[in-house]
Amino acid sequence: MFAKEVKAFVHRNRVADVVNALNKARFHNITIVDVQGILKAMNSKEQNYSVEIGQKVVNEVKLELVCDDESRLAEAVFAIRENAKTGQPSAGWIYITEINSVIEITN
């Protein structure tokens, strides 16, 4: 069984384009979570100071999806990379991990 989890950390203002591109490519089980990270801010409005962490953070989005086919994995990564660009040298990260087991929740 081929199953990979794709996690991408992208700037909040790019997530709509990323999700639209993934939907257009027929990816539908996408999870989106607001997170705080230490990506390089695009501007001062994007950055906040975190008292808990003791430094500036950026409100970003963690996007997650599962691919069960190697060609679909490449398609998902391409859609994310192309649509998460901000014009900066680094606009986020994509992590791919292997899924060892899948258990369906049923009645």
PDB file of N, CA and C in Angstrom:
ATOM      1  N   MET A   1       0.834  -1.172   0.000  1.00  0.00           N
ATOM      2  CA  MET A   1       0.000   0.000   0.000  1.00  0.00           C
ATOM      3  C   MET A   1       0.883   1.240   0.000  1.00  0.00           C
ATOM      4  N   PHE A   2       0.611   2.185  -0.886  1.00  0.00           N
ATOM      5  CA  PHE A   2       1.305   3.466  -0.936  1.00  0.00           C
ATOM      6  C   PHE A   2       0.418   4.493  -0.264  1.00  0.00           C
ATOM      7  N   ALA A   3       0.892   5.089   0.814  1.00  0.00           N
ATOM      8  CA  ALA A   3       0.146   6.161   1.467  1.00  0.00           C
ATOM      9  C   ALA A   3       1.153   7.126   2.079  1.00  0.00           C
ATOM     10  N   LYS A   4       1.043   8.377   1.695  1.00  0.00           N
ATOM     11  CA  LYS A   4       1.925   9.421   2.198  1.00  0.00           C
ATOM     12  C   LYS A   4       1.085  10.585   2.702  1.00  0.00           C
ATOM     13  N   GLU A   5       1.520  11.156   3.792  1.00  0.00           N
ATOM     14  CA  GLU A   5       0.877  12.354   4.305  1.00  0.00           C
ATOM     15  C   GLU A   5       1.701  13.558   3.861  1.00  0.00           C
ATOM     16  N   VAL A   6       1.026  14.551   3.336  1.00  0.00           N
ATOM     17  CA  VAL A   6       1.663  15.793   2.926  1.00  0.00           C
ATOM     18  C   VAL A   6       1.242  16.868   3.917  1.00  0.00           C
ATOM     19  N   LYS A   7       2.227  17.516   4.531  1.00  0.00           N
ATOM     20  CA  LYS A   7       1.973  18.664   5.404  1.00  0.00           C
ATOM     21  C   LYS A   7       2.697  19.845   4.790  1.00  0.00           C
ATOM     22  N   ALA A   8       1.986  20.933   4.641  1.00  0.00           N
ATOM     23  CA  ALA A   8       2.595  22.137   4.093  1.00  0.00           C
ATOM     24  C   ALA A   8       2.316  23.308   5.019  1.00  0.00           C
ATOM     25  N   PHE A   9       3.334  24.085   5.277  1.00  0.00           N
ATOM     26  CA  PHE A   9       3.209  25.301   6.067  1.00  0.00           C
ATOM     27  C   PHE A   9       3.353  26.475   5.114  1.00  0.00           C
ATOM     28  N   VAL A  10       2.274  27.240   4.962  1.00  0.00           N
ATOM     29  CA  VAL A  10       2.266  28.333   3.987  1.00  0.00           C
ATOM     30  C   VAL A  10       1.733  29.611   4.628  1.00  0.00           C
ATOM     31  N   HIS A  11       2.050  30.716   4.000  1.00  0.00           N
ATOM     32  CA  HIS A  11       1.527  31.997   4.469  1.00  0.00           C
ATOM     33  C   HIS A  11       0.011  32.006   4.324  1.00  0.00           C
ATOM     34  N   ARG A  12      -0.657  32.584   5.297  1.00  0.00           N
ATOM     35  CA  ARG A  12      -2.121  32.607   5.333  1.00  0.00           C
ATOM     36  C   ARG A  12      -2.724  33.226   4.075  1.00  0.00           C
ATOM     37  N   ASN A  13      -2.081  34.244   3.540  1.00  0.00           N
ATOM     38  CA  ASN A  13      -2.653  34.909   2.365  1.00  0.00           C
ATOM     39  C   ASN A  13      -2.493  34.101   1.078  1.00  0.00           C
ATOM     40  N   ARG A  14      -1.821  32.959   1.120  1.00  0.00           N
ATOM     41  CA  ARG A  14      -1.650  32.099  -0.057  1.00  0.00           C
ATOM     42  C   ARG A  14      -2.517  30.842   0.006  1.00  0.00           C
ATOM     43  N   VAL A  15      -3.116  30.559   1.154  1.00  0.00           N
ATOM     44  CA  VAL A  15      -3.799  29.280   1.337  1.00  0.00           C
ATOM     45  C   VAL A  15      -5.001  29.119   0.408  1.00  0.00           C
ATOM     46  N   ALA A  16      -5.753  30.171   0.121  1.00  0.00           N
ATOM     47  CA  ALA A  16      -6.922  30.042  -0.761  1.00  0.00           C
ATOM     48  C   ALA A  16      -6.502  29.579  -2.155  1.00  0.00           C
ATOM     49  N   ASP A  17      -5.426  30.137  -2.683  1.00  0.00           N
ATOM     50  CA  ASP A  17      -4.945  29.717  -3.999  1.00  0.00           C
ATOM     51  C   ASP A  17      -4.450  28.275  -3.979  1.00  0.00           C
ATOM     52  N   VAL A  18      -3.795  27.898  -2.893  1.00  0.00           N
ATOM     53  CA  VAL A  18      -3.311  26.514  -2.768  1.00  0.00           C
ATOM     54  C   VAL A  18      -4.493  25.548  -2.730  1.00  0.00           C
ATOM     55  N   VAL A  19      -5.482  25.828  -1.902  1.00  0.00           N
ATOM     56  CA  VAL A  19      -6.651  24.947  -1.790  1.00  0.00           C
ATOM     57  C   VAL A  19      -7.412  24.884  -3.111  1.00  0.00           C
ATOM     58  N   ASN A  20      -7.581  26.014  -3.784  1.00  0.00           N
ATOM     59  CA  ASN A  20      -8.263  26.006  -5.088  1.00  0.00           C
ATOM     60  C   ASN A  20      -7.524  25.147  -6.095  1.00  0.00           C
ATOM     61  N   ALA A  21      -6.196  25.232  -6.118  1.00  0.00           N
ATOM     62  CA  ALA A  21      -5.408  24.409  -7.040  1.00  0.00           C
ATOM     63  C   ALA A  21      -5.532  22.928  -6.692  1.00  0.00           C
ATOM     64  N   LEU A  22      -5.521  22.598  -5.411  1.00  0.00           N
ATOM     65  CA  LEU A  22      -5.682  21.196  -5.004  1.00  0.00           C
ATOM     66  C   LEU A  22      -7.077  20.676  -5.342  1.00  0.00           C
ATOM     67  N   ASN A  23      -8.096  21.491  -5.119  1.00  0.00           N
ATOM     68  CA  ASN A  23      -9.457  21.079  -5.479  1.00  0.00           C
ATOM     69  C   ASN A  23      -9.585  20.871  -6.983  1.00  0.00           C
ATOM     70  N   LYS A  24      -8.985  21.758  -7.756  1.00  0.00           N
ATOM     71  CA  LYS A  24      -9.014  21.628  -9.219  1.00  0.00           C
ATOM     72  C   LYS A  24      -8.340  20.327  -9.662  1.00  0.00           C
ATOM     73  N   ALA A  25      -7.321  19.896  -8.908  1.00  0.00           N
ATOM     74  CA  ALA A  25      -6.621  18.637  -9.191  1.00  0.00           C
ATOM     75  C   ALA A  25      -7.317  17.438  -8.548  1.00  0.00           C
ATOM     76  N   ARG A  26      -8.535  17.646  -8.026  1.00  0.00           N
ATOM     77  CA  ARG A  26      -9.374  16.606  -7.455  1.00  0.00           C
ATOM     78  C   ARG A  26      -8.878  16.070  -6.106  1.00  0.00           C
ATOM     79  N   PHE A  27      -8.227  16.919  -5.330  1.00  0.00           N
ATOM     80  CA  PHE A  27      -7.916  16.602  -3.932  1.00  0.00           C
ATOM     81  C   PHE A  27      -8.999  17.259  -3.091  1.00  0.00           C
ATOM     82  N   HIS A  28      -9.671  16.473  -2.263  1.00  0.00           N
ATOM     83  CA  HIS A  28     -10.789  17.029  -1.508  1.00  0.00           C
ATOM     84  C   HIS A  28     -10.686  16.836  -0.001  1.00  0.00           C
ATOM     85  N   ASN A  29      -9.996  15.839   0.465  1.00  0.00           N
ATOM     86  CA  ASN A  29      -9.865  15.618   1.912  1.00  0.00           C
ATOM     87  C   ASN A  29      -8.647  16.377   2.417  1.00  0.00           C
ATOM     88  N   ILE A  30      -8.818  17.686   2.536  1.00  0.00           N
ATOM     89  CA  ILE A  30      -7.740  18.582   2.939  1.00  0.00           C
ATOM     90  C   ILE A  30      -8.076  19.145   4.315  1.00  0.00           C
ATOM     91  N   THR A  31      -7.111  19.121   5.197  1.00  0.00           N
ATOM     92  CA  THR A  31      -7.279  19.715   6.520  1.00  0.00           C
ATOM     93  C   THR A  31      -6.461  20.986   6.575  1.00  0.00           C
ATOM     94  N   ILE A  32      -7.062  22.042   7.138  1.00  0.00           N
ATOM     95  CA  ILE A  32      -6.385  23.330   7.249  1.00  0.00           C
ATOM     96  C   ILE A  32      -6.444  23.772   8.705  1.00  0.00           C
ATOM     97  N   VAL A  33      -5.288  24.103   9.258  1.00  0.00           N
ATOM     98  CA  VAL A  33      -5.194  24.500  10.659  1.00  0.00           C
ATOM     99  C   VAL A  33      -4.401  25.805  10.747  1.00  0.00           C
ATOM    100  N   ASP A  34      -4.937  26.782  11.454  1.00  0.00           N
ATOM    101  CA  ASP A  34      -4.184  28.009  11.712  1.00  0.00           C
ATOM    102  C   ASP A  34      -3.119  27.711  12.755  1.00  0.00           C
ATOM    103  N   VAL A  35      -1.898  28.130  12.487  1.00  0.00           N
ATOM    104  CA  VAL A  35      -0.789  27.914  13.412  1.00  0.00           C
ATOM    105  C   VAL A  35       0.076  29.178  13.470  1.00  0.00           C
ATOM    106  N   GLN A  36       0.946  29.221  14.438  1.00  0.00           N
ATOM    107  CA  GLN A  36       1.951  30.275  14.512  1.00  0.00           C
ATOM    108  C   GLN A  36       3.295  29.644  14.256  1.00  0.00           C
ATOM    109  N   GLY A  37       4.094  30.300  13.453  1.00  0.00           N
ATOM    110  CA  GLY A  37       5.404  29.765  13.128  1.00  0.00           C
ATOM    111  C   GLY A  37       6.429  30.863  13.010  1.00  0.00           C
ATOM    112  N   ILE A  38       7.591  30.479  12.561  1.00  0.00           N
ATOM    113  CA  ILE A  38       8.684  31.431  12.468  1.00  0.00           C
ATOM    114  C   ILE A  38       9.121  31.563  11.009  1.00  0.00           C
ATOM    115  N   LEU A  39       8.150  31.515  10.093  1.00  0.00           N
ATOM    116  CA  LEU A  39       8.439  31.829   8.700  1.00  0.00           C
ATOM    117  C   LEU A  39       8.882  33.279   8.611  1.00  0.00           C
ATOM    118  N   LYS A  40       9.618  33.607   7.584  1.00  0.00           N
ATOM    119  CA  LYS A  40       9.987  35.008   7.375  1.00  0.00           C
ATOM    120  C   LYS A  40       8.731  35.781   6.971  1.00  0.00           C
ATOM    121  N   ALA A  41       8.438  36.834   7.704  1.00  0.00           N
ATOM    122  CA  ALA A  41       7.227  37.619   7.452  1.00  0.00           C
ATOM    123  C   ALA A  41       7.348  38.357   6.117  1.00  0.00           C
ATOM    124  N   MET A  42       6.216  38.431   5.408  1.00  0.00           N
ATOM    125  CA  MET A  42       6.184  39.182   4.159  1.00  0.00           C
ATOM    126  C   MET A  42       6.146  40.682   4.440  1.00  0.00           C
ATOM    127  N   ASN A  43       5.523  41.060   5.552  1.00  0.00           N
ATOM    128  CA  ASN A  43       5.460  42.465   5.959  1.00  0.00           C
ATOM    129  C   ASN A  43       5.191  42.512   7.462  1.00  0.00           C
ATOM    130  N   SER A  44       5.246  43.704   8.030  1.00  0.00           N
ATOM    131  CA  SER A  44       5.102  43.830   9.479  1.00  0.00           C
ATOM    132  C   SER A  44       3.704  43.469   9.971  1.00  0.00           C
ATOM    133  N   LYS A  45       2.678  43.609   9.116  1.00  0.00           N
ATOM    134  CA  LYS A  45       1.310  43.253   9.515  1.00  0.00           C
ATOM    135  C   LYS A  45       1.151  41.758   9.734  1.00  0.00           C
ATOM    136  N   GLU A  46       1.971  40.976   9.087  1.00  0.00           N
ATOM    137  CA  GLU A  46       1.866  39.524   9.174  1.00  0.00           C
ATOM    138  C   GLU A  46       2.526  38.987  10.455  1.00  0.00           C
ATOM    139  N   GLN A  47       3.326  39.790  11.116  1.00  0.00           N
ATOM    140  CA  GLN A  47       4.117  39.330  12.246  1.00  0.00           C
ATOM    141  C   GLN A  47       3.557  39.854  13.567  1.00  0.00           C
ATOM    142  N   ASN A  48       3.560  38.996  14.572  1.00  0.00           N
ATOM    143  CA  ASN A  48       3.132  39.347  15.927  1.00  0.00           C
ATOM    144  C   ASN A  48       4.213  38.910  16.903  1.00  0.00           C
ATOM    145  N   TYR A  49       4.191  39.499  18.080  1.00  0.00           N
ATOM    146  CA  TYR A  49       5.120  39.066  19.124  1.00  0.00           C
ATOM    147  C   TYR A  49       4.411  38.061  20.021  1.00  0.00           C
ATOM    148  N   SER A  50       5.011  36.912  20.215  1.00  0.00           N
ATOM    149  CA  SER A  50       4.456  35.878  21.086  1.00  0.00           C
ATOM    150  C   SER A  50       5.131  35.947  22.450  1.00  0.00           C
ATOM    151  N   VAL A  51       4.350  36.243  23.473  1.00  0.00           N
ATOM    152  CA  VAL A  51       4.875  36.289  24.834  1.00  0.00           C
ATOM    153  C   VAL A  51       5.311  34.893  25.266  1.00  0.00           C
ATOM    154  N   GLU A  52       4.543  33.869  24.875  1.00  0.00           N
ATOM    155  CA  GLU A  52       4.852  32.492  25.267  1.00  0.00           C
ATOM    156  C   GLU A  52       6.194  32.028  24.691  1.00  0.00           C
ATOM    157  N   ILE A  53       6.456  32.377  23.448  1.00  0.00           N
ATOM    158  CA  ILE A  53       7.688  31.940  22.786  1.00  0.00           C
ATOM    159  C   ILE A  53       8.828  32.929  23.026  1.00  0.00           C
ATOM    160  N   GLY A  54       8.485  34.184  23.225  1.00  0.00           N
ATOM    161  CA  GLY A  54       9.493  35.200  23.478  1.00  0.00           C
ATOM    162  C   GLY A  54      10.147  35.745  22.223  1.00  0.00           C
ATOM    163  N   GLN A  55       9.435  35.646  21.091  1.00  0.00           N
ATOM    164  CA  GLN A  55       9.948  36.213  19.845  1.00  0.00           C
ATOM    165  C   GLN A  55       8.811  36.446  18.869  1.00  0.00           C
ATOM    166  N   LYS A  56       9.146  37.048  17.747  1.00  0.00           N
ATOM    167  CA  LYS A  56       8.133  37.338  16.745  1.00  0.00           C
ATOM    168  C   LYS A  56       7.743  36.060  16.013  1.00  0.00           C
ATOM    169  N   VAL A  57       6.444  35.951  15.725  1.00  0.00           N
ATOM    170  CA  VAL A  57       5.914  34.806  14.997  1.00  0.00           C
ATOM    171  C   VAL A  57       5.039  35.308  13.852  1.00  0.00           C
ATOM    172  N   VAL A  58       4.785  34.412  12.927  1.00  0.00           N
ATOM    173  CA  VAL A  58       3.925  34.702  11.792  1.00  0.00           C
ATOM    174  C   VAL A  58       2.714  33.786  11.881  1.00  0.00           C
ATOM    175  N   ASN A  59       1.528  34.344  11.685  1.00  0.00           N
ATOM    176  CA  ASN A  59       0.337  33.506  11.596  1.00  0.00           C
ATOM    177  C   ASN A  59       0.371  32.843  10.229  1.00  0.00           C
ATOM    178  N   GLU A  60       0.423  31.531  10.223  1.00  0.00           N
ATOM    179  CA  GLU A  60       0.491  30.781   8.980  1.00  0.00           C
ATOM    180  C   GLU A  60      -0.536  29.665   9.014  1.00  0.00           C
ATOM    181  N   VAL A  61      -0.555  28.867   7.978  1.00  0.00           N
ATOM    182  CA  VAL A  61      -1.527  27.787   7.863  1.00  0.00           C
ATOM    183  C   VAL A  61      -0.789  26.470   7.644  1.00  0.00           C
ATOM    184  N   LYS A  62      -1.224  25.437   8.378  1.00  0.00           N
ATOM    185  CA  LYS A  62      -0.736  24.083   8.122  1.00  0.00           C
ATOM    186  C   LYS A  62      -1.822  23.373   7.335  1.00  0.00           C
ATOM    187  N   LEU A  63      -1.452  22.882   6.181  1.00  0.00           N
ATOM    188  CA  LEU A  63      -2.370  22.186   5.293  1.00  0.00           C
ATOM    189  C   LEU A  63      -1.956  20.717   5.271  1.00  0.00           C
ATOM    190  N   GLU A  64      -2.907  19.793   5.405  1.00  0.00           N
ATOM    191  CA  GLU A  64      -2.601  18.363   5.421  1.00  0.00           C
ATOM    192  C   GLU A  64      -3.501  17.620   4.445  1.00  0.00           C
ATOM    193  N   LEU A  65      -2.914  16.647   3.759  1.00  0.00           N
ATOM    194  CA  LEU A  65      -3.701  15.752   2.915  1.00  0.00           C
ATOM    195  C   LEU A  65      -2.958  14.434   2.768  1.00  0.00           C
ATOM    196  N   VAL A  66      -3.667  13.414   2.334  1.00  0.00           N
ATOM    197  CA  VAL A  66      -3.088  12.084   2.161  1.00  0.00           C
ATOM    198  C   VAL A  66      -3.153  11.707   0.696  1.00  0.00           C
ATOM    199  N   CYS A  67      -2.044  11.144   0.192  1.00  0.00           N
ATOM    200  CA  CYS A  67      -1.974  10.658  -1.190  1.00  0.00           C
ATOM    201  C   CYS A  67      -1.788   9.155  -1.162  1.00  0.00           C
ATOM    202  N   ASP A  68      -2.556   8.459  -1.972  1.00  0.00           N
ATOM    203  CA  ASP A  68      -2.444   7.004  -2.022  1.00  0.00           C
ATOM    204  C   ASP A  68      -1.836   6.514  -3.325  1.00  0.00           C
ATOM    205  N   ASP A  69      -1.185   7.425  -4.046  1.00  0.00           N
ATOM    206  CA  ASP A  69      -0.594   7.098  -5.333  1.00  0.00           C
ATOM    207  C   ASP A  69       0.607   8.022  -5.546  1.00  0.00           C
ATOM    208  N   GLU A  70       1.718   7.469  -6.018  1.00  0.00           N
ATOM    209  CA  GLU A  70       2.942   8.268  -6.165  1.00  0.00           C
ATOM    210  C   GLU A  70       2.788   9.426  -7.150  1.00  0.00           C
ATOM    211  N   SER A  71       2.057   9.218  -8.240  1.00  0.00           N
ATOM    212  CA  SER A  71       1.866  10.311  -9.200  1.00  0.00           C
ATOM    213  C   SER A  71       0.972  11.398  -8.614  1.00  0.00           C
ATOM    214  N   ARG A  72       0.018  11.021  -7.788  1.00  0.00           N
ATOM    215  CA  ARG A  72      -0.836  12.008  -7.124  1.00  0.00           C
ATOM    216  C   ARG A  72      -0.026  12.802  -6.099  1.00  0.00           C
ATOM    217  N   LEU A  73       0.944  12.146  -5.468  1.00  0.00           N
ATOM    218  CA  LEU A  73       1.818  12.843  -4.540  1.00  0.00           C
ATOM    219  C   LEU A  73       2.577  13.949  -5.270  1.00  0.00           C
ATOM    220  N   ALA A  74       3.154  13.632  -6.395  1.00  0.00           N
ATOM    221  CA  ALA A  74       3.887  14.634  -7.183  1.00  0.00           C
ATOM    222  C   ALA A  74       2.959  15.766  -7.617  1.00  0.00           C
ATOM    223  N   GLU A  75       1.737  15.431  -7.970  1.00  0.00           N
ATOM    224  CA  GLU A  75       0.753  16.433  -8.380  1.00  0.00           C
ATOM    225  C   GLU A  75       0.389  17.365  -7.224  1.00  0.00           C
ATOM    226  N   ALA A  76       0.231  16.812  -6.033  1.00  0.00           N
ATOM    227  CA  ALA A  76      -0.099  17.620  -4.862  1.00  0.00           C
ATOM    228  C   ALA A  76       1.054  18.557  -4.509  1.00  0.00           C
ATOM    229  N   VAL A  77       2.257  18.037  -4.500  1.00  0.00           N
ATOM    230  CA  VAL A  77       3.431  18.855  -4.186  1.00  0.00           C
ATOM    231  C   VAL A  77       3.575  19.978  -5.201  1.00  0.00           C
ATOM    232  N   PHE A  78       3.387  19.674  -6.473  1.00  0.00           N
ATOM    233  CA  PHE A  78       3.476  20.704  -7.512  1.00  0.00           C
ATOM    234  C   PHE A  78       2.430  21.799  -7.291  1.00  0.00           C
ATOM    235  N   ALA A  79       1.193  21.409  -7.023  1.00  0.00           N
ATOM    236  CA  ALA A  79       0.120  22.388  -6.811  1.00  0.00           C
ATOM    237  C   ALA A  79       0.422  23.283  -5.618  1.00  0.00           C
ATOM    238  N   ILE A  80       0.936  22.707  -4.552  1.00  0.00           N
ATOM    239  CA  ILE A  80       1.264  23.499  -3.365  1.00  0.00           C
ATOM    240  C   ILE A  80       2.421  24.454  -3.667  1.00  0.00           C
ATOM    241  N   ARG A  81       3.498  23.925  -4.241  1.00  0.00           N
ATOM    242  CA  ARG A  81       4.685  24.766  -4.515  1.00  0.00           C
ATOM    243  C   ARG A  81       4.363  25.919  -5.445  1.00  0.00           C
ATOM    244  N   GLU A  82       3.592  25.657  -6.469  1.00  0.00           N
ATOM    245  CA  GLU A  82       3.294  26.698  -7.450  1.00  0.00           C
ATOM    246  C   GLU A  82       2.360  27.773  -6.905  1.00  0.00           C
ATOM    247  N   ASN A  83       1.493  27.412  -5.998  1.00  0.00           N
ATOM    248  CA  ASN A  83       0.473  28.352  -5.522  1.00  0.00           C
ATOM    249  C   ASN A  83       0.765  28.960  -4.160  1.00  0.00           C
ATOM    250  N   ALA A  84       1.799  28.496  -3.482  1.00  0.00           N
ATOM    251  CA  ALA A  84       2.163  29.055  -2.177  1.00  0.00           C
ATOM    252  C   ALA A  84       3.257  30.113  -2.294  1.00  0.00           C
ATOM    253  N   LYS A  85       3.735  30.353  -3.492  1.00  0.00           N
ATOM    254  CA  LYS A  85       4.827  31.315  -3.686  1.00  0.00           C
ATOM    255  C   LYS A  85       4.412  32.714  -3.251  1.00  0.00           C
ATOM    256  N   THR A  86       5.373  33.424  -2.644  1.00  0.00           N
ATOM    257  CA  THR A  86       5.119  34.784  -2.173  1.00  0.00           C
ATOM    258  C   THR A  86       6.037  35.812  -2.831  1.00  0.00           C
ATOM    259  N   GLY A  87       6.993  35.352  -3.605  1.00  0.00           N
ATOM    260  CA  GLY A  87       7.982  36.258  -4.170  1.00  0.00           C
ATOM    261  C   GLY A  87       9.230  36.356  -3.301  1.00  0.00           C
ATOM    262  N   GLN A  88       9.210  35.719  -2.143  1.00  0.00           N
ATOM    263  CA  GLN A  88      10.370  35.688  -1.256  1.00  0.00           C
ATOM    264  C   GLN A  88      11.177  34.425  -1.537  1.00  0.00           C
ATOM    265  N   PRO A  89      12.452  34.426  -1.157  1.00  0.00           N
ATOM    266  CA  PRO A  89      13.269  33.212  -1.367  1.00  0.00           C
ATOM    267  C   PRO A  89      12.684  31.973  -0.682  1.00  0.00           C
ATOM    268  N   SER A  90      12.102  32.138   0.506  1.00  0.00           N
ATOM    269  CA  SER A  90      11.488  31.019   1.210  1.00  0.00           C
ATOM    270  C   SER A  90      10.063  31.400   1.594  1.00  0.00           C
ATOM    271  N   ALA A  91       9.096  30.613   1.133  1.00  0.00           N
ATOM    272  CA  ALA A  91       7.688  30.946   1.377  1.00  0.00           C
ATOM    273  C   ALA A  91       6.969  29.872   2.177  1.00  0.00           C
ATOM    274  N   GLY A  92       7.683  28.895   2.712  1.00  0.00           N
ATOM    275  CA  GLY A  92       7.058  27.841   3.478  1.00  0.00           C
ATOM    276  C   GLY A  92       7.792  26.528   3.305  1.00  0.00           C
ATOM    277  N   TRP A  93       7.170  25.459   3.792  1.00  0.00           N
ATOM    278  CA  TRP A  93       7.790  24.138   3.765  1.00  0.00           C
ATOM    279  C   TRP A  93       6.745  23.080   3.473  1.00  0.00           C
ATOM    280  N   ILE A  94       7.172  22.022   2.796  1.00  0.00           N
ATOM    281  CA  ILE A  94       6.322  20.852   2.561  1.00  0.00           C
ATOM    282  C   ILE A  94       7.047  19.646   3.157  1.00  0.00           C
ATOM    283  N   TYR A  95       6.330  18.894   3.986  1.00  0.00           N
ATOM    284  CA  TYR A  95       6.870  17.678   4.586  1.00  0.00           C
ATOM    285  C   TYR A  95       6.057  16.492   4.076  1.00  0.00           C
ATOM    286  N   ILE A  96       6.748  15.417   3.763  1.00  0.00           N
ATOM    287  CA  ILE A  96       6.082  14.199   3.303  1.00  0.00           C
ATOM    288  C   ILE A  96       6.516  13.060   4.215  1.00  0.00           C
ATOM    289  N   THR A  97       5.529  12.391   4.798  1.00  0.00           N
ATOM    290  CA  THR A  97       5.826  11.270   5.678  1.00  0.00           C
ATOM    291  C   THR A  97       5.046  10.041   5.235  1.00  0.00           C
ATOM    292  N   GLU A  98       5.608   8.907   5.529  1.00  0.00           N
ATOM    293  CA  GLU A  98       4.961   7.644   5.183  1.00  0.00           C
ATOM    294  C   GLU A  98       3.905   7.306   6.221  1.00  0.00           C
ATOM    295  N   ILE A  99       2.785   6.815   5.746  1.00  0.00           N
ATOM    296  CA  ILE A  99       1.705   6.354   6.625  1.00  0.00           C
ATOM    297  C   ILE A  99       1.817   4.837   6.717  1.00  0.00           C
ATOM    298  N   ASN A 100       1.966   4.340   7.920  1.00  0.00           N
ATOM    299  CA  ASN A 100       2.132   2.903   8.111  1.00  0.00           C
ATOM    300  C   ASN A 100       0.833   2.138   8.168  1.00  0.00           C
ATOM    301  N   SER A 101      -0.235   2.809   8.574  1.00  0.00           N
ATOM    302  CA  SER A 101      -1.497   2.129   8.745  1.00  0.00           C
ATOM    303  C   SER A 101      -2.639   3.116   8.576  1.00  0.00           C
ATOM    304  N   VAL A 102      -3.731   2.645   7.997  1.00  0.00           N
ATOM    305  CA  VAL A 102      -4.935   3.445   7.849  1.00  0.00           C
ATOM    306  C   VAL A 102      -6.092   2.631   8.413  1.00  0.00           C
ATOM    307  N   ILE A 103      -6.829   3.213   9.329  1.00  0.00           N
ATOM    308  CA  ILE A 103      -7.962   2.526   9.945  1.00  0.00           C
ATOM    309  C   ILE A 103      -9.201   3.377   9.734  1.00  0.00           C
ATOM    310  N   GLU A 104     -10.166   2.820   9.046  1.00  0.00           N
ATOM    311  CA  GLU A 104     -11.400   3.552   8.773  1.00  0.00           C
ATOM    312  C   GLU A 104     -12.301   3.556  10.002  1.00  0.00           C
ATOM    313  N   ILE A 105     -12.927   4.686  10.246  1.00  0.00           N
ATOM    314  CA  ILE A 105     -13.908   4.783  11.315  1.00  0.00           C
ATOM    315  C   ILE A 105     -15.275   4.501  10.696  1.00  0.00           C
ATOM    316  N   THR A 106     -15.944   3.492  11.187  1.00  0.00           N
ATOM    317  CA  THR A 106     -17.244   3.108  10.647  1.00  0.00           C
ATOM    318  C   THR A 106     -18.283   3.091  11.755  1.00  0.00           C
ATOM    319  N   ASN A 107     -19.495   2.649  11.423  1.00  0.00           N
ATOM    320  CA  ASN A 107     -20.586   2.590  12.396  1.00  0.00           C
ATOM    321  C   ASN A 107     -20.064   2.021  13.654  1.00  0.00           C
TER     322      ASN A 107
END
